[in-house]
Protein backbone atom coordinates (compact mmCIF):
# COMPACT_ATOMS: atom_id res chain seq x y z
CA UNK A 1 38.49 -57.32 43.90
CA UNK A 2 38.84 -54.50 41.35
CA UNK A 3 39.90 -55.70 37.92
CA UNK A 4 43.42 -54.39 37.17
CA UNK A 5 42.31 -53.36 33.69
CA UNK A 6 39.67 -50.84 34.82
CA UNK A 7 40.43 -47.37 36.13
CA UNK A 8 38.61 -45.93 39.12
CA UNK A 9 35.71 -44.47 37.12
CA UNK A 10 35.07 -47.78 35.35
CA UNK A 11 36.40 -46.74 31.96
CA UNK A 12 37.80 -49.51 29.83
CA UNK A 13 41.54 -49.48 29.25
CA UNK A 14 43.27 -50.10 25.93
CA UNK A 15 45.90 -52.72 25.23
CA UNK A 16 48.09 -53.02 22.17
CA UNK A 17 48.26 -56.52 20.68
CA UNK A 18 51.40 -57.00 18.58
CA UNK A 19 51.54 -59.19 15.47
CA UNK A 20 54.06 -59.85 12.70
CA UNK A 21 53.51 -61.89 9.54
CA UNK A 22 50.01 -62.69 10.86
CA UNK A 23 51.54 -64.48 13.86
CA UNK A 24 50.78 -63.69 17.48
CA UNK A 25 47.61 -65.60 18.27
CA UNK A 26 45.33 -62.62 17.61
CA UNK A 27 42.24 -64.73 16.90
CA UNK A 28 42.55 -66.35 20.33
CA UNK A 29 43.97 -63.47 22.36
CA UNK A 30 41.69 -60.63 21.26
CA UNK A 31 38.41 -62.27 22.39
CA UNK A 32 40.07 -63.27 25.69
CA UNK A 33 41.22 -59.68 26.25
CA UNK A 34 37.79 -58.30 25.39
CA UNK A 35 36.21 -60.74 27.81
CA UNK A 36 38.46 -59.25 30.49
CA UNK A 37 37.13 -55.80 29.63
CA UNK A 38 39.98 -54.51 27.49
CA UNK A 39 39.75 -52.49 24.29
CA UNK A 40 42.14 -54.22 21.86
CA UNK A 41 44.18 -52.35 19.24
CA UNK A 42 46.11 -54.55 16.82
CA UNK A 43 49.59 -53.37 15.81
CA UNK A 44 50.90 -55.11 12.69
CA UNK A 45 52.67 -54.46 9.40
CA UNK A 46 49.81 -55.76 7.21
CA UNK A 47 47.44 -53.04 6.01
CA UNK A 48 44.63 -55.49 5.22
CA UNK A 49 45.39 -57.75 8.19
CA UNK A 50 42.54 -60.31 8.40
CA UNK A 51 42.92 -60.38 12.19
CA UNK A 52 41.97 -56.71 12.47
CA UNK A 53 38.29 -57.65 12.35
CA UNK A 54 38.71 -59.39 15.71
CA UNK A 55 40.03 -56.18 17.33
CA UNK A 56 38.68 -52.73 18.18
CA UNK A 57 41.34 -50.83 16.27
CA UNK A 58 44.34 -51.35 14.01
CA UNK A 59 47.61 -49.45 13.73
CA UNK A 60 49.77 -50.28 10.71
CA UNK A 61 53.52 -50.00 11.31
CA UNK A 62 56.77 -50.88 9.59
CA UNK A 63 58.55 -53.35 11.88
CA UNK A 64 61.77 -52.53 10.02
CA UNK A 65 61.53 -48.96 11.31
CA UNK A 66 62.92 -47.59 14.56
CA UNK A 67 61.33 -47.89 18.00
CA UNK A 68 60.47 -44.18 17.79
CA UNK A 69 58.75 -44.75 14.44
CA UNK A 70 56.57 -47.48 15.94
CA UNK A 71 55.63 -45.39 18.98
CA UNK A 72 54.87 -42.38 16.77
CA UNK A 73 52.48 -44.44 14.64
CA UNK A 74 50.58 -45.51 17.76
CA UNK A 75 50.40 -41.92 19.01
CA UNK A 76 49.19 -40.62 15.64
CA UNK A 77 46.33 -43.08 15.88
CA UNK A 78 45.32 -41.44 19.15
CA UNK A 79 45.99 -44.57 21.19
CA UNK A 80 47.28 -44.37 24.76
CA UNK A 81 47.81 -47.97 25.90
CA UNK A 82 47.58 -49.16 29.49
CA UNK A 83 49.14 -52.53 28.58
CA UNK A 84 50.95 -54.22 25.70
CA UNK A 85 50.48 -57.90 24.89
CA UNK A 86 52.85 -59.83 22.64
CA UNK A 87 53.32 -63.52 21.84
CA UNK A 88 55.80 -63.07 18.96
CA UNK A 89 59.39 -63.71 20.02
CA UNK A 90 60.92 -61.33 17.48
CA UNK A 91 58.78 -58.48 18.82
CA UNK A 92 59.87 -58.79 22.46
CA UNK A 93 62.33 -55.86 22.15
CA UNK A 94 59.59 -53.82 20.47
CA UNK A 95 57.24 -54.46 23.39
CA UNK A 96 59.93 -53.41 25.87
CA UNK A 97 60.55 -50.20 23.91
CA UNK A 98 56.82 -49.38 23.73
CA UNK A 99 56.38 -50.02 27.44
CA UNK A 100 59.22 -47.61 28.14
CA UNK A 101 57.92 -44.99 25.71
CA UNK A 102 54.45 -44.92 27.26
CA UNK A 103 55.77 -45.05 30.83
CA UNK A 104 54.34 -48.48 31.61
CA UNK A 105 55.87 -50.91 34.08
CA UNK A 106 57.18 -54.10 32.51
CA UNK A 107 55.29 -57.02 34.09
CA UNK A 108 57.56 -59.53 32.33
CA UNK A 109 61.18 -58.47 32.94
CA UNK A 110 64.13 -60.35 31.50
CA UNK A 111 62.45 -61.55 28.30
CA UNK A 112 64.80 -59.68 25.98
CA UNK A 113 67.65 -62.01 26.96
CA UNK A 114 65.65 -64.99 25.69
CA UNK A 115 65.73 -63.63 22.14
CA UNK A 116 69.50 -64.21 22.06
CA UNK A 117 70.57 -67.82 22.51
CA UNK A 118 74.17 -66.79 23.13
CA UNK A 119 73.04 -64.52 25.98
CA UNK A 120 71.17 -67.46 27.52
CA UNK A 121 74.28 -69.67 27.21
CA UNK A 122 76.44 -66.99 28.84
CA UNK A 123 73.97 -66.71 31.71
CA UNK A 124 73.92 -70.49 32.14
CA UNK A 125 77.72 -70.59 32.22
CA UNK A 126 77.83 -67.78 34.78
CA UNK A 127 75.23 -69.58 36.92
CA UNK A 128 77.07 -72.91 36.66
CA UNK A 129 74.18 -74.83 35.09
CA UNK A 130 73.66 -76.75 31.84
CA UNK A 131 77.40 -76.93 31.00
CA UNK A 132 77.91 -77.19 27.25
CA UNK A 133 80.60 -76.39 24.71
CA UNK A 134 79.48 -73.56 22.47
CA UNK A 135 80.59 -70.58 20.45
CA UNK A 136 78.81 -67.84 18.52
CA UNK A 137 79.49 -65.16 15.96
CA UNK A 138 78.88 -64.07 12.41
CA UNK A 139 79.21 -66.61 9.62
CA UNK A 140 82.62 -65.12 8.79
CA UNK A 141 83.75 -65.36 12.43
CA UNK A 142 82.62 -68.97 12.76
CA UNK A 143 84.34 -69.84 9.48
CA UNK A 144 87.63 -68.46 10.78
CA UNK A 145 87.30 -70.05 14.23
CA UNK A 146 85.25 -73.25 13.84
CA UNK A 147 84.46 -75.64 16.72
CA UNK A 148 87.18 -78.14 17.58
CA UNK A 149 84.90 -81.01 18.61
CA UNK A 150 81.90 -82.52 16.82
CA UNK A 151 78.99 -83.14 16.44
CA UNK A 152 77.58 -79.64 16.94
CA UNK A 153 74.24 -77.98 16.32
CA UNK A 154 74.47 -74.91 14.10
CA UNK A 155 71.52 -72.54 14.41
CA UNK A 156 70.62 -68.84 14.36
CA UNK A 157 71.52 -67.10 17.60
CA UNK A 158 68.43 -64.91 17.37
CA UNK A 159 64.91 -66.24 16.68
CA UNK A 160 64.83 -69.66 15.01
CA UNK A 161 61.26 -70.84 15.47
CA UNK A 162 60.01 -74.06 13.86
CA UNK A 163 63.64 -75.27 13.71
CA UNK A 164 64.35 -72.80 10.90
CA UNK A 165 67.94 -73.03 9.58
CA UNK A 166 68.90 -75.49 12.34
CA UNK A 167 71.25 -78.29 11.32
CA UNK A 168 73.31 -81.05 12.90
CA UNK A 169 76.95 -81.01 11.80
CA UNK A 170 79.10 -84.11 12.35
CA UNK A 171 82.56 -82.99 11.24
CA UNK A 172 84.77 -80.04 10.37
CA UNK A 173 84.22 -80.78 6.69
CA UNK A 174 80.43 -80.65 7.14
CA UNK A 175 80.77 -77.47 9.18
CA UNK A 176 82.81 -75.73 6.48
CA UNK A 177 80.26 -76.81 3.86
CA UNK A 178 77.32 -75.58 5.97
CA UNK A 179 78.96 -72.23 6.69
CA UNK A 180 79.82 -71.77 3.02
CA UNK A 181 76.19 -72.34 2.11
CA UNK A 182 75.06 -69.71 4.60
CA UNK A 183 77.60 -67.06 3.65
CA UNK A 184 75.47 -65.45 0.92
CA UNK A 185 72.05 -66.66 2.05
CA UNK A 186 69.38 -64.34 3.51
CA UNK A 187 69.87 -65.68 7.04
CA UNK A 188 70.35 -64.05 10.46
CA UNK A 189 73.63 -62.23 11.03
CA UNK A 190 74.73 -64.33 14.00
CA UNK A 191 74.79 -68.07 14.55
CA UNK A 192 75.59 -70.27 17.50
CA UNK A 193 77.39 -73.63 17.30
CA UNK A 194 76.88 -75.79 20.36
CA UNK A 195 77.68 -79.30 21.49
CA UNK A 196 75.08 -81.88 20.49
CA UNK A 197 73.93 -84.19 23.26
CA UNK A 198 72.73 -87.65 22.28
CA UNK A 199 69.78 -89.02 24.19
CA UNK A 200 66.08 -88.36 24.66
CA UNK A 201 64.52 -84.96 23.94
CA UNK A 202 61.71 -83.59 26.10
CA UNK A 203 59.91 -80.35 26.93
CA UNK A 204 58.68 -78.66 30.09
CA UNK A 205 55.89 -76.07 30.13
CA UNK A 206 55.33 -73.83 33.12
CA UNK A 207 55.14 -70.28 34.38
CA UNK A 208 57.40 -67.90 36.30
CA UNK A 209 55.67 -65.89 39.01
CA UNK A 210 57.52 -64.02 41.72
CA UNK A 211 60.73 -65.33 40.18
CA UNK A 212 59.75 -68.96 40.82
CA UNK A 213 59.29 -71.41 37.97
CA UNK A 214 56.39 -73.85 38.37
CA UNK A 215 56.50 -76.83 36.01
CA UNK A 216 53.02 -77.72 34.77
CA UNK A 217 53.40 -80.16 31.87
CA UNK A 218 56.23 -82.46 30.76
CA UNK A 219 56.35 -84.40 27.50
CA UNK A 220 59.05 -86.41 25.79
CA UNK A 221 59.64 -87.04 22.10
CA UNK A 222 60.47 -90.73 21.53
CA UNK A 223 60.28 -90.34 17.74
CA UNK A 224 62.20 -87.07 17.49
CA UNK A 225 64.14 -86.61 14.25
CA UNK A 226 67.70 -86.37 15.57
CA UNK A 227 69.11 -86.01 12.06
CA UNK A 228 67.19 -82.91 10.97
CA UNK A 229 66.54 -81.86 14.60
CA UNK A 230 62.80 -81.56 14.05
CA UNK A 231 59.74 -82.81 15.87
CA UNK A 232 58.28 -86.00 14.48
CA UNK A 233 55.90 -88.66 15.73
CA UNK A 234 54.67 -88.88 19.29
CA UNK A 235 55.08 -86.29 22.02
CA UNK A 236 53.95 -88.22 25.08
CA UNK A 237 52.91 -87.15 28.57
CA UNK A 238 53.73 -88.44 31.11
CA UNK A 239 57.15 -89.00 29.49
CA UNK A 240 57.68 -92.52 28.19
CA UNK A 241 61.49 -92.51 28.01
CA UNK A 242 62.72 -89.66 30.24
CA UNK A 243 63.06 -90.58 33.95
CA UNK A 244 61.43 -88.40 36.61
CA UNK A 245 64.74 -87.73 38.34
CA UNK A 246 66.20 -86.29 35.14
CA UNK A 247 63.24 -83.91 34.80
CA UNK A 248 63.58 -82.90 38.45
CA UNK A 249 67.27 -82.15 37.97
CA UNK A 250 66.52 -80.21 34.78
CA UNK A 251 63.85 -78.07 36.47
CA UNK A 252 66.21 -77.39 39.38
CA UNK A 253 68.93 -76.08 37.06
CA UNK A 254 66.32 -74.16 35.08
CA UNK A 255 65.25 -72.34 38.24
CA UNK A 256 68.85 -71.23 38.80
CA UNK A 257 68.97 -69.89 35.24
CA UNK A 258 65.59 -68.16 35.58
CA UNK A 259 66.91 -66.35 38.64
CA UNK A 260 70.13 -65.40 36.87
CA UNK A 261 68.19 -63.96 33.91
CA UNK A 262 65.78 -62.09 36.17
CA UNK A 263 62.73 -63.61 34.50
CA UNK A 264 59.25 -63.03 35.88
CA UNK A 265 55.65 -62.91 34.74
CA UNK A 266 56.04 -65.25 31.79
CA UNK A 267 55.01 -68.70 30.57
CA UNK A 268 57.93 -70.78 29.30
CA UNK A 269 58.13 -73.72 26.90
CA UNK A 270 61.57 -75.17 27.57
CA UNK A 271 63.22 -77.90 25.52
CA UNK A 272 65.89 -80.17 26.94
CA UNK A 273 67.68 -83.43 26.43
CA UNK A 274 68.78 -86.15 28.83
CA UNK A 275 71.98 -87.72 27.59
CA UNK A 276 73.50 -91.10 28.26
CA UNK A 277 74.74 -91.18 31.85
CA UNK A 278 71.93 -88.93 33.07
CA UNK A 279 73.41 -85.60 32.01
CA UNK A 280 70.70 -83.04 31.28
CA UNK A 281 71.13 -80.31 28.71
CA UNK A 282 69.19 -77.21 27.74
CA UNK A 283 68.20 -76.85 24.08
CA UNK A 284 66.29 -73.58 24.25
CA UNK A 285 63.82 -71.49 26.24
CA UNK A 286 60.74 -70.16 24.46
CA UNK A 287 58.87 -67.28 26.16
CA UNK A 288 55.43 -68.64 25.28
CA UNK A 289 53.32 -71.78 25.68
CA UNK A 290 54.15 -74.76 23.49
CA UNK A 291 52.61 -74.47 20.04
CA UNK A 292 50.01 -76.53 18.22
CA UNK A 293 47.97 -78.71 20.56
CA UNK A 294 50.15 -78.15 23.63
CA UNK A 295 47.62 -75.72 25.09
CA UNK A 296 44.82 -78.25 24.67
CA UNK A 297 46.99 -80.99 26.18
CA UNK A 298 47.89 -78.86 29.19
CA UNK A 299 44.24 -77.94 29.78
CA UNK A 300 43.22 -81.59 29.51
CA UNK A 301 45.94 -82.79 31.86
CA UNK A 302 45.91 -80.02 34.49
CA UNK A 303 42.90 -77.77 33.99
CA UNK A 304 45.31 -74.85 33.52
CA UNK A 305 44.90 -72.68 30.42
CA UNK A 306 48.39 -71.43 29.43
CA UNK A 307 46.93 -68.63 27.31
CA UNK A 308 44.83 -67.29 30.19
CA UNK A 309 47.79 -67.45 32.55
CA UNK A 310 50.04 -65.75 29.99
CA UNK A 311 47.51 -62.98 29.44
CA UNK A 312 47.05 -62.36 33.15
CA UNK A 313 50.81 -62.00 33.62
CA UNK A 314 51.21 -59.80 30.52
CA UNK A 315 48.54 -57.49 31.93
CA UNK A 316 50.26 -57.31 35.29
CA UNK A 317 47.63 -59.37 37.10
CA UNK A 318 48.65 -62.33 39.24
CA UNK A 319 47.05 -65.50 37.82
CA UNK A 320 45.54 -68.11 40.08
CA UNK A 321 45.96 -71.27 37.99
CA UNK A 322 44.35 -74.49 39.10
CA UNK A 323 46.84 -76.89 40.64
CA UNK A 324 47.09 -80.65 40.42
CA UNK A 325 46.48 -83.32 37.82
CA UNK A 326 42.97 -83.43 36.41
CA UNK A 327 43.46 -86.32 33.96
CA UNK A 328 46.34 -88.70 34.58
CA UNK A 329 45.85 -90.99 31.57
CA UNK A 330 48.71 -90.97 29.03
CA UNK A 331 48.25 -88.62 26.10
CA UNK A 332 50.19 -88.03 22.90
CA UNK A 333 50.37 -85.16 20.43
CA UNK A 334 51.39 -85.98 16.87
CA UNK A 335 52.04 -83.18 14.36
CA UNK A 336 51.82 -83.70 10.61
CA UNK A 337 54.18 -81.74 8.38
CA UNK A 338 54.42 -81.13 4.65
CA UNK A 339 57.63 -82.12 2.87
CA UNK A 340 57.15 -80.30 -0.45
CA UNK A 341 56.84 -76.69 -1.52
CA UNK A 342 53.36 -75.50 -2.42
CA UNK A 343 49.89 -75.29 -0.92
CA UNK A 344 48.45 -78.05 1.27
CA UNK A 345 44.93 -79.10 0.31
CA UNK A 346 43.24 -81.24 2.98
CA UNK A 347 40.23 -83.39 2.20
CA UNK A 348 39.85 -84.38 5.85
CA UNK A 349 38.53 -82.01 8.52
CA UNK A 350 39.48 -81.68 12.16
CA UNK A 351 35.92 -82.70 13.07
CA UNK A 352 36.36 -85.99 11.20
CA UNK A 353 39.63 -86.67 13.02
CA UNK A 354 37.95 -86.04 16.39
CA UNK A 355 35.41 -88.77 15.62
CA UNK A 356 38.14 -91.44 15.77
CA UNK A 357 38.17 -93.41 19.02
CA UNK A 358 40.68 -92.01 21.48
CA UNK A 359 41.19 -88.69 19.68
CA UNK A 360 40.75 -85.82 22.15
CA UNK A 361 41.46 -82.93 19.80
CA UNK A 362 42.80 -82.11 16.35
CA UNK A 363 43.48 -79.25 14.01
CA UNK A 364 43.82 -79.00 10.24
CA UNK A 365 45.02 -75.93 8.32
CA UNK A 366 43.62 -76.30 4.83
CA UNK A 367 45.49 -74.03 2.44
CA UNK A 368 48.71 -74.00 4.47
CA UNK A 369 51.45 -72.55 2.25
CA UNK A 370 54.90 -74.17 2.33
CA UNK A 371 57.39 -71.51 1.20
CA UNK A 372 60.57 -73.12 2.54
CA UNK A 373 61.74 -76.55 3.63
CA UNK A 374 64.33 -75.03 5.97
CA UNK A 375 61.83 -75.29 8.84
CA UNK A 376 59.01 -77.43 10.18
CA UNK A 377 55.74 -77.04 8.25
CA UNK A 378 53.04 -78.52 10.46
CA UNK A 379 49.57 -78.15 8.97
CA UNK A 380 47.73 -80.69 11.13
CA UNK A 381 47.96 -82.51 14.44
CA UNK A 382 46.00 -84.93 16.60
CA UNK A 383 45.95 -85.50 20.34
CA UNK A 384 45.02 -88.96 21.58
CA UNK A 385 44.66 -90.73 24.90
CA UNK A 386 45.32 -94.37 25.74
CA UNK A 387 46.31 -96.74 28.50
CA UNK A 388 49.95 -97.04 27.36
CA UNK A 389 52.35 -96.14 24.55
CA UNK A 390 51.23 -99.04 22.38
CA UNK A 391 47.60 -97.95 22.46
CA UNK A 392 48.61 -94.34 21.87
CA UNK A 393 50.42 -95.41 18.71
CA UNK A 394 47.49 -97.51 17.55
CA UNK A 395 45.06 -94.63 17.94
CA UNK A 396 47.40 -92.20 16.22
CA UNK A 397 47.68 -94.65 13.31
CA UNK A 398 43.88 -94.89 13.11
CA UNK A 399 43.56 -91.11 12.96
CA UNK A 400 46.32 -90.51 10.45
CA UNK A 401 44.96 -93.28 8.22
CA UNK A 402 41.96 -91.10 7.36
CA UNK A 403 43.93 -87.85 6.95
CA UNK A 404 43.89 -87.21 3.21
CA UNK A 405 45.83 -84.31 1.72
CA UNK A 406 48.01 -83.28 -1.19
CA UNK A 407 50.53 -80.50 -1.80
CA UNK A 408 50.13 -78.67 -5.09
CA UNK A 409 52.65 -76.19 -6.53
CA UNK A 410 51.74 -72.63 -5.59
């Protein structure tokens, strides 16, 4: 079989790899692309981008410029891409524009709709799935026409990773106070206010190929912070609290929505909630694998590498992921977040955490900078295995007991 990334005479093709604010997984993606035979050109807004050393070229752009400005910068650099890879949600429209400019087929259609939560809700309503009360608009529009029933979740309609600026509002008084606080803040122009479902939160990772969604990994969040709407404590797989039939129903409705949105060639990390009475609700769809140690957990459980599958699809090549469960033992991922502004200094390494019995993997970001408390600030995580939830918790406690860190003012 001829590799899709080589032309007939064997010349290596070039792919653009997009990054913003140093995000985009460049350190992982560039070597994987090179291994596939691609020449990698980083496109970012940082002139001295530390990730450029991992690539074969670097084009500096102003992401606040127009699509034409971005394309012109690439052309001035003498780059003619054969593919464009992007793992940054905010840059999805930029990728679509660059694909169009250079006359490249889009191997991942429909992604632009996922950058707008209101567009996803409208599609769900039109498809008759995940029924939920919701409204959207500017802060001024929401202030003049607030929701009639509470509680609601108030969050940015466009790009709100790491639960940034997401809040649970219990009453009209709280809503008015929240909106007033956002009126003059440097926040997105549009927000969405949607019905809050009580119950257990969970996530489903999987890929869309040929328009069909294949669920690969399911985890629930028994310790989820339902006050601040942030991840906390264990994320367990197989799910400890969410019944299989609820997940099956959720995936069935998700497939209907995937079809309605015209999605294809993409890995999805989808968050949902099963409410009292068995009702399932959609929280959001992320066009990427789950963050942190999700990739390691999925590889451990299934043998499937979400990054490899995502890259294959982004390059227009059909992936052939391994099927079936490789390790069926329960596992748990536990993130650790900072709760103060400043710089996190860790005295414990990931290697030391991995030495604890039952710990399969870990990461530690020494020097993580906390610039805002309006989002999750995870600087470390561990993944453990055990025979049941009790042993998972015991092993997590053993690992976190040796994690020593402090946050100093920056």
